[in-house]
Amino acid sequence: MKVTVDLKNINLVERIRQIENRKLSGNFIIISGKHYASFSYRDGQFQRARFDDLKGEEAMKKIIELENGLLTINIIEKEKEKERLWRIIESLPSLLFCGIIEGGIFTNIILKKDTRFFEKEINNFLNHLMIFSNRQKMEVRDITLIYNYHLLYIERVKEGTYAVFLLPNVEDIRLLTVSIRNITSRIKEVMFFQKKPGYL
């Protein structure tokens, strides 16, 4: 899952901390003026970094100082989490898309095969949502947007973490409210290990 964002719109140090805390794996590329930089993490552990001709920790220090440029984030989703999310989305015929935003980073994306959206459309959409969620992440609670005749619904799971749903458009959003709350509750159980009897 790849998204590209402007460094001006994110806090890179916070993004790295999020990756370490969630023990995520991913590759990151930054183009900043004449500078080329890249770094990678595996299971939350720093692996390697490059900033022009510099490598390792020295390169990482330079990367963290960057304020301008484009950052491409390629998060490798955790298979077990993805499988659990699939079990949720497959049981809800009306749910077309489900994503998790943590601190502005999409850590899981589920897109049903029968949706009519193309990968390019979804990526463009995620890029816009990444910027939006970052700017609003502390204030957002319930937000509905219209995207290609479907409702995009952002629901807060916990502080700094949001679940994103793409649902068929309806005349009255209240018709979907109970379903959305149930989905959010299930995702909280799955993603944040709040185990209960009969847990998945």
C-alpha atoms as a PDB file:
ATOM      1  CA  MET A   1       0.000   0.000   0.000  1.00  0.00           C
ATOM      2  CA  LYS A   2       1.630   3.235  -1.200  1.00  0.00           C
ATOM      3  CA  VAL A   3       0.723   6.844  -0.571  1.00  0.00           C
ATOM      4  CA  THR A   4       2.665  10.024  -1.356  1.00  0.00           C
ATOM      5  CA  VAL A   5       2.446  13.122   0.836  1.00  0.00           C
ATOM      6  CA  ASP A   6       4.091  16.524   1.075  1.00  0.00           C
ATOM      7  CA  LEU A   7       6.491  16.733   4.023  1.00  0.00           C
ATOM      8  CA  LYS A   8       4.933  20.097   4.908  1.00  0.00           C
ATOM      9  CA  ASN A   9       1.709  18.303   5.794  1.00  0.00           C
ATOM     10  CA  ILE A  10       3.101  15.715   8.193  1.00  0.00           C
ATOM     11  CA  ASN A  11       5.318  15.358  11.237  1.00  0.00           C
ATOM     12  CA  LEU A  12       7.955  12.861  10.095  1.00  0.00           C
ATOM     13  CA  VAL A  13       9.256  12.168  13.599  1.00  0.00           C
ATOM     14  CA  GLU A  14       5.724  11.282  14.758  1.00  0.00           C
ATOM     15  CA  ARG A  15       5.237   9.000  11.747  1.00  0.00           C
ATOM     16  CA  ILE A  16       8.447   7.129  12.557  1.00  0.00           C
ATOM     17  CA  ARG A  17       7.442   6.804  16.208  1.00  0.00           C
ATOM     18  CA  GLN A  18       4.093   5.353  15.103  1.00  0.00           C
ATOM     19  CA  ILE A  19       5.852   2.752  12.941  1.00  0.00           C
ATOM     20  CA  GLU A  20       8.098   1.742  15.835  1.00  0.00           C
ATOM     21  CA  ASN A  21       5.213   1.505  18.324  1.00  0.00           C
ATOM     22  CA  ARG A  22       3.048  -0.578  15.983  1.00  0.00           C
ATOM     23  CA  LYS A  23       6.032  -2.713  14.928  1.00  0.00           C
ATOM     24  CA  LEU A  24       5.264  -2.059  11.277  1.00  0.00           C
ATOM     25  CA  SER A  25       7.420  -2.794   8.253  1.00  0.00           C
ATOM     26  CA  GLY A  26       7.811  -0.431   5.336  1.00  0.00           C
ATOM     27  CA  ASN A  27       9.977   1.469   2.878  1.00  0.00           C
ATOM     28  CA  PHE A  28      10.103   5.253   2.585  1.00  0.00           C
ATOM     29  CA  ILE A  29      11.460   7.452  -0.206  1.00  0.00           C
ATOM     30  CA  ILE A  30      11.883  11.230  -0.094  1.00  0.00           C
ATOM     31  CA  ILE A  31      12.597  13.534  -3.033  1.00  0.00           C
ATOM     32  CA  SER A  32      13.570  16.964  -1.721  1.00  0.00           C
ATOM     33  CA  GLY A  33      14.990  19.395  -4.263  1.00  0.00           C
ATOM     34  CA  LYS A  34      18.285  17.845  -5.377  1.00  0.00           C
ATOM     35  CA  HIS A  35      18.305  15.425  -2.465  1.00  0.00           C
ATOM     36  CA  TYR A  36      17.273  11.772  -2.607  1.00  0.00           C
ATOM     37  CA  ALA A  37      16.657   9.922   0.626  1.00  0.00           C
ATOM     38  CA  SER A  38      15.271   6.552   1.649  1.00  0.00           C
ATOM     39  CA  PHE A  39      14.908   4.480   4.791  1.00  0.00           C
ATOM     40  CA  SER A  40      13.241   1.260   5.878  1.00  0.00           C
ATOM     41  CA  TYR A  41      11.833  -0.423   8.969  1.00  0.00           C
ATOM     42  CA  ARG A  42      11.092  -4.070   9.699  1.00  0.00           C
ATOM     43  CA  ASP A  43       8.768  -5.034  12.540  1.00  0.00           C
ATOM     44  CA  GLY A  44       9.297  -1.581  14.029  1.00  0.00           C
ATOM     45  CA  GLN A  45      13.087  -1.819  13.918  1.00  0.00           C
ATOM     46  CA  PHE A  46      15.256   0.561  11.886  1.00  0.00           C
ATOM     47  CA  GLN A  47      16.989  -1.286   9.032  1.00  0.00           C
ATOM     48  CA  ARG A  48      18.805   1.135   6.755  1.00  0.00           C
ATOM     49  CA  ALA A  49      18.839   4.711   5.520  1.00  0.00           C
ATOM     50  CA  ARG A  50      20.413   6.709   2.740  1.00  0.00           C
ATOM     51  CA  PHE A  51      20.635  10.459   2.194  1.00  0.00           C
ATOM     52  CA  ASP A  52      22.525  11.257  -1.013  1.00  0.00           C
ATOM     53  CA  ASP A  53      25.937   9.681  -0.301  1.00  0.00           C
ATOM     54  CA  LEU A  54      25.402   9.272   3.443  1.00  0.00           C
ATOM     55  CA  LYS A  55      24.199   5.991   4.955  1.00  0.00           C
ATOM     56  CA  GLY A  56      22.946   4.598   8.249  1.00  0.00           C
ATOM     57  CA  GLU A  57      22.278   6.695  11.353  1.00  0.00           C
ATOM     58  CA  GLU A  58      24.077   9.713   9.893  1.00  0.00           C
ATOM     59  CA  ALA A  59      21.724   9.648   6.901  1.00  0.00           C
ATOM     60  CA  MET A  60      18.704   9.267   9.182  1.00  0.00           C
ATOM     61  CA  LYS A  61      19.642  12.412  11.113  1.00  0.00           C
ATOM     62  CA  LYS A  62      19.646  14.371   7.845  1.00  0.00           C
ATOM     63  CA  ILE A  63      16.332  12.844   6.783  1.00  0.00           C
ATOM     64  CA  ILE A  64      14.598  13.884  10.014  1.00  0.00           C
ATOM     65  CA  GLU A  65      15.743  17.479   9.445  1.00  0.00           C
ATOM     66  CA  LEU A  66      14.022  17.694   6.036  1.00  0.00           C
ATOM     67  CA  GLU A  67      11.047  20.061   5.908  1.00  0.00           C
ATOM     68  CA  ASN A  68      10.306  20.150   2.176  1.00  0.00           C
ATOM     69  CA  GLY A  69       9.826  17.429  -0.395  1.00  0.00           C
ATOM     70  CA  LEU A  70       7.607  14.491  -1.266  1.00  0.00           C
ATOM     71  CA  LEU A  71       7.509  11.395   0.918  1.00  0.00           C
ATOM     72  CA  THR A  72       6.338   8.076  -0.539  1.00  0.00           C
ATOM     73  CA  ILE A  73       5.226   5.673   2.192  1.00  0.00           C
ATOM     74  CA  ASN A  74       4.975   1.961   1.408  1.00  0.00           C
ATOM     75  CA  ILE A  75       3.636   0.157   4.480  1.00  0.00           C
ATOM     76  CA  ILE A  76       3.706  -3.644   4.416  1.00  0.00           C
ATOM     77  CA  GLU A  77       0.450  -4.679   6.012  1.00  0.00           C
ATOM     78  CA  LYS A  78       0.432  -7.273   8.761  1.00  0.00           C
ATOM     79  CA  GLU A  79      -1.104 -10.394   7.279  1.00  0.00           C
ATOM     80  CA  LYS A  80      -2.846 -11.563  10.458  1.00  0.00           C
ATOM     81  CA  GLU A  81      -4.464  -8.157  10.948  1.00  0.00           C
ATOM     82  CA  LYS A  82      -5.443  -8.034   7.305  1.00  0.00           C
ATOM     83  CA  GLU A  83      -7.057 -11.484   7.510  1.00  0.00           C
ATOM     84  CA  ARG A  84      -9.062 -10.426  10.556  1.00  0.00           C
ATOM     85  CA  LEU A  85     -10.232  -7.252   8.858  1.00  0.00           C
ATOM     86  CA  TRP A  86     -11.276  -9.286   5.829  1.00  0.00           C
ATOM     87  CA  ARG A  87     -13.504 -11.368   8.080  1.00  0.00           C
ATOM     88  CA  ILE A  88     -15.221  -8.174   9.192  1.00  0.00           C
ATOM     89  CA  ILE A  89     -15.655  -6.653   5.741  1.00  0.00           C
ATOM     90  CA  GLU A  90     -16.830  -9.900   4.126  1.00  0.00           C
ATOM     91  CA  SER A  91     -19.641 -10.193   6.662  1.00  0.00           C
ATOM     92  CA  LEU A  92     -20.955  -6.731   5.712  1.00  0.00           C
ATOM     93  CA  PRO A  93     -22.194  -6.713   2.092  1.00  0.00           C
ATOM     94  CA  SER A  94     -22.648  -2.933   1.980  1.00  0.00           C
ATOM     95  CA  LEU A  95     -19.087  -2.170   3.084  1.00  0.00           C
ATOM     96  CA  LEU A  96     -16.900  -1.518   0.019  1.00  0.00           C
ATOM     97  CA  PHE A  97     -13.749  -0.124   1.569  1.00  0.00           C
ATOM     98  CA  CYS A  98     -12.183  -0.117   5.003  1.00  0.00           C
ATOM     99  CA  GLY A  99      -9.004   1.621   6.082  1.00  0.00           C
ATOM    100  CA  ILE A 100      -7.231   2.340   9.347  1.00  0.00           C
ATOM    101  CA  ILE A 101      -5.466   5.667   9.898  1.00  0.00           C
ATOM    102  CA  GLU A 102      -3.040   5.840  12.805  1.00  0.00           C
ATOM    103  CA  GLY A 103      -1.367   9.187  13.367  1.00  0.00           C
ATOM    104  CA  GLY A 104      -2.007  10.043   9.711  1.00  0.00           C
ATOM    105  CA  ILE A 105      -0.539   6.791   8.351  1.00  0.00           C
ATOM    106  CA  PHE A 106      -2.721   4.212   6.653  1.00  0.00           C
ATOM    107  CA  THR A 107      -1.699   0.930   8.256  1.00  0.00           C
ATOM    108  CA  ASN A 108      -4.301  -1.341   6.658  1.00  0.00           C
ATOM    109  CA  ILE A 109      -6.407  -1.037   3.530  1.00  0.00           C
ATOM    110  CA  ILE A 110      -9.176  -3.428   2.552  1.00  0.00           C
ATOM    111  CA  LEU A 111     -10.924  -2.975  -0.803  1.00  0.00           C
ATOM    112  CA  LYS A 112     -13.597  -5.437  -1.928  1.00  0.00           C
ATOM    113  CA  LYS A 113     -12.943  -7.104  -5.265  1.00  0.00           C
ATOM    114  CA  ASP A 114     -16.403  -6.282  -6.569  1.00  0.00           C
ATOM    115  CA  THR A 115     -16.035  -2.535  -6.087  1.00  0.00           C
ATOM    116  CA  ARG A 116     -15.892  -0.501  -9.289  1.00  0.00           C
ATOM    117  CA  PHE A 117     -12.992   1.652  -8.142  1.00  0.00           C
ATOM    118  CA  PHE A 118      -9.565   1.294  -9.741  1.00  0.00           C
ATOM    119  CA  GLU A 119      -6.339   1.165  -7.745  1.00  0.00           C
ATOM    120  CA  LYS A 120      -5.246   4.537  -9.163  1.00  0.00           C
ATOM    121  CA  GLU A 121      -8.502   6.162  -8.015  1.00  0.00           C
ATOM    122  CA  ILE A 122      -8.109   4.754  -4.532  1.00  0.00           C
ATOM    123  CA  ASN A 123      -4.475   5.917  -4.311  1.00  0.00           C
ATOM    124  CA  ASN A 124      -5.421   9.445  -5.393  1.00  0.00           C
ATOM    125  CA  PHE A 125      -8.222   9.424  -2.856  1.00  0.00           C
ATOM    126  CA  LEU A 126      -5.901   8.212  -0.085  1.00  0.00           C
ATOM    127  CA  ASN A 127      -3.419  10.976  -0.830  1.00  0.00           C
ATOM    128  CA  HIS A 128      -6.126  13.598  -0.282  1.00  0.00           C
ATOM    129  CA  LEU A 129      -7.429  11.835   2.801  1.00  0.00           C
ATOM    130  CA  MET A 130      -3.922  11.547   4.264  1.00  0.00           C
ATOM    131  CA  ILE A 131      -3.520  15.333   4.205  1.00  0.00           C
ATOM    132  CA  PHE A 132      -7.057  15.903   5.458  1.00  0.00           C
ATOM    133  CA  SER A 133      -6.781  13.443   8.335  1.00  0.00           C
ATOM    134  CA  ASN A 134      -3.417  14.841   9.405  1.00  0.00           C
ATOM    135  CA  ARG A 135      -4.693  18.417   9.642  1.00  0.00           C
ATOM    136  CA  GLN A 136      -7.889  17.450  11.434  1.00  0.00           C
ATOM    137  CA  LYS A 137      -6.861  14.380  13.393  1.00  0.00           C
ATOM    138  CA  MET A 138      -7.304  15.872  16.873  1.00  0.00           C
ATOM    139  CA  GLU A 139     -10.607  17.595  16.110  1.00  0.00           C
ATOM    140  CA  VAL A 140     -12.335  15.052  13.891  1.00  0.00           C
ATOM    141  CA  ARG A 141     -15.072  12.885  15.388  1.00  0.00           C
ATOM    142  CA  ASP A 142     -17.723  12.042  12.817  1.00  0.00           C
ATOM    143  CA  ILE A 143     -17.314  13.344   9.274  1.00  0.00           C
ATOM    144  CA  THR A 144     -19.124  12.426   6.094  1.00  0.00           C
ATOM    145  CA  LEU A 145     -17.849  13.291   2.644  1.00  0.00           C
ATOM    146  CA  ILE A 146     -19.216  12.416  -0.765  1.00  0.00           C
ATOM    147  CA  TYR A 147     -16.833  10.509  -3.020  1.00  0.00           C
ATOM    148  CA  ASN A 148     -17.980   9.161  -6.377  1.00  0.00           C
ATOM    149  CA  TYR A 149     -21.612   8.759  -5.261  1.00  0.00           C
ATOM    150  CA  HIS A 150     -20.650   6.869  -2.125  1.00  0.00           C
ATOM    151  CA  LEU A 151     -20.404   7.986   1.467  1.00  0.00           C
ATOM    152  CA  LEU A 152     -16.975   8.142   3.012  1.00  0.00           C
ATOM    153  CA  TYR A 153     -17.322   7.867   6.756  1.00  0.00           C
ATOM    154  CA  ILE A 154     -14.504   8.551   9.197  1.00  0.00           C
ATOM    155  CA  GLU A 155     -15.024   7.239  12.709  1.00  0.00           C
ATOM    156  CA  ARG A 156     -12.635   7.696  15.620  1.00  0.00           C
ATOM    157  CA  VAL A 157     -11.528   4.366  17.121  1.00  0.00           C
ATOM    158  CA  LYS A 158      -9.293   5.891  19.775  1.00  0.00           C
ATOM    159  CA  GLU A 159      -7.044   8.945  20.202  1.00  0.00           C
ATOM    160  CA  GLY A 160      -5.212   9.577  16.929  1.00  0.00           C
ATOM    161  CA  THR A 161      -6.685   6.485  15.239  1.00  0.00           C
ATOM    162  CA  TYR A 162      -9.569   6.430  12.771  1.00  0.00           C
ATOM    163  CA  ALA A 163     -11.439   3.821  10.790  1.00  0.00           C
ATOM    164  CA  VAL A 164     -12.521   4.844   7.289  1.00  0.00           C
ATOM    165  CA  PHE A 165     -15.515   3.293   5.522  1.00  0.00           C
ATOM    166  CA  LEU A 166     -16.833   3.603   2.002  1.00  0.00           C
ATOM    167  CA  LEU A 167     -20.547   2.804   2.008  1.00  0.00           C
ATOM    168  CA  PRO A 168     -23.399   3.076  -0.491  1.00  0.00           C
ATOM    169  CA  ASN A 169     -25.013   6.497  -0.409  1.00  0.00           C
ATOM    170  CA  VAL A 170     -28.281   6.771   1.517  1.00  0.00           C
ATOM    171  CA  GLU A 171     -30.742   9.619   1.989  1.00  0.00           C
ATOM    172  CA  ASP A 172     -30.395   9.508   5.755  1.00  0.00           C
ATOM    173  CA  ILE A 173     -26.996   8.704   7.312  1.00  0.00           C
ATOM    174  CA  ARG A 174     -28.790   7.630  10.494  1.00  0.00           C
ATOM    175  CA  LEU A 175     -29.797   4.460   8.668  1.00  0.00           C
ATOM    176  CA  LEU A 176     -26.138   3.406   8.714  1.00  0.00           C
ATOM    177  CA  THR A 177     -25.179   4.707  12.155  1.00  0.00           C
ATOM    178  CA  VAL A 178     -25.653   1.440  14.060  1.00  0.00           C
ATOM    179  CA  SER A 179     -23.704  -0.536  11.454  1.00  0.00           C
ATOM    180  CA  ILE A 180     -20.864   1.974  11.541  1.00  0.00           C
ATOM    181  CA  ARG A 181     -20.644   1.844  15.340  1.00  0.00           C
ATOM    182  CA  ASN A 182     -20.576  -1.964  15.225  1.00  0.00           C
ATOM    183  CA  ILE A 183     -17.823  -1.956  12.603  1.00  0.00           C
ATOM    184  CA  THR A 184     -15.763   0.467  14.684  1.00  0.00           C
ATOM    185  CA  SER A 185     -16.179  -1.680  17.776  1.00  0.00           C
ATOM    186  CA  ARG A 186     -15.057  -4.806  15.904  1.00  0.00           C
ATOM    187  CA  ILE A 187     -12.027  -3.052  14.448  1.00  0.00           C
ATOM    188  CA  LYS A 188     -11.036  -1.821  17.888  1.00  0.00           C
ATOM    189  CA  GLU A 189     -11.141  -5.415  19.135  1.00  0.00           C
ATOM    190  CA  VAL A 190      -9.153  -6.726  16.169  1.00  0.00           C
ATOM    191  CA  MET A 191      -6.528  -4.015  15.859  1.00  0.00           C
ATOM    192  CA  PHE A 192      -5.940  -3.136  19.472  1.00  0.00           C
ATOM    193  CA  PHE A 193      -6.201  -6.534  21.131  1.00  0.00           C
ATOM    194  CA  GLN A 194      -9.216  -5.951  23.342  1.00  0.00           C
ATOM    195  CA  LYS A 195      -9.914  -9.650  23.620  1.00  0.00           C
ATOM    196  CA  LYS A 196     -13.371 -10.858  24.535  1.00  0.00           C
ATOM    197  CA  PRO A 197     -15.001 -14.314  24.690  1.00  0.00           C
ATOM    198  CA  GLY A 198     -15.452 -15.600  21.158  1.00  0.00           C
ATOM    199  CA  TYR A 199     -12.799 -13.186  19.841  1.00  0.00           C
ATOM    200  CA  LEU A 200     -12.486 -13.906  16.136  1.00  0.00           C
END
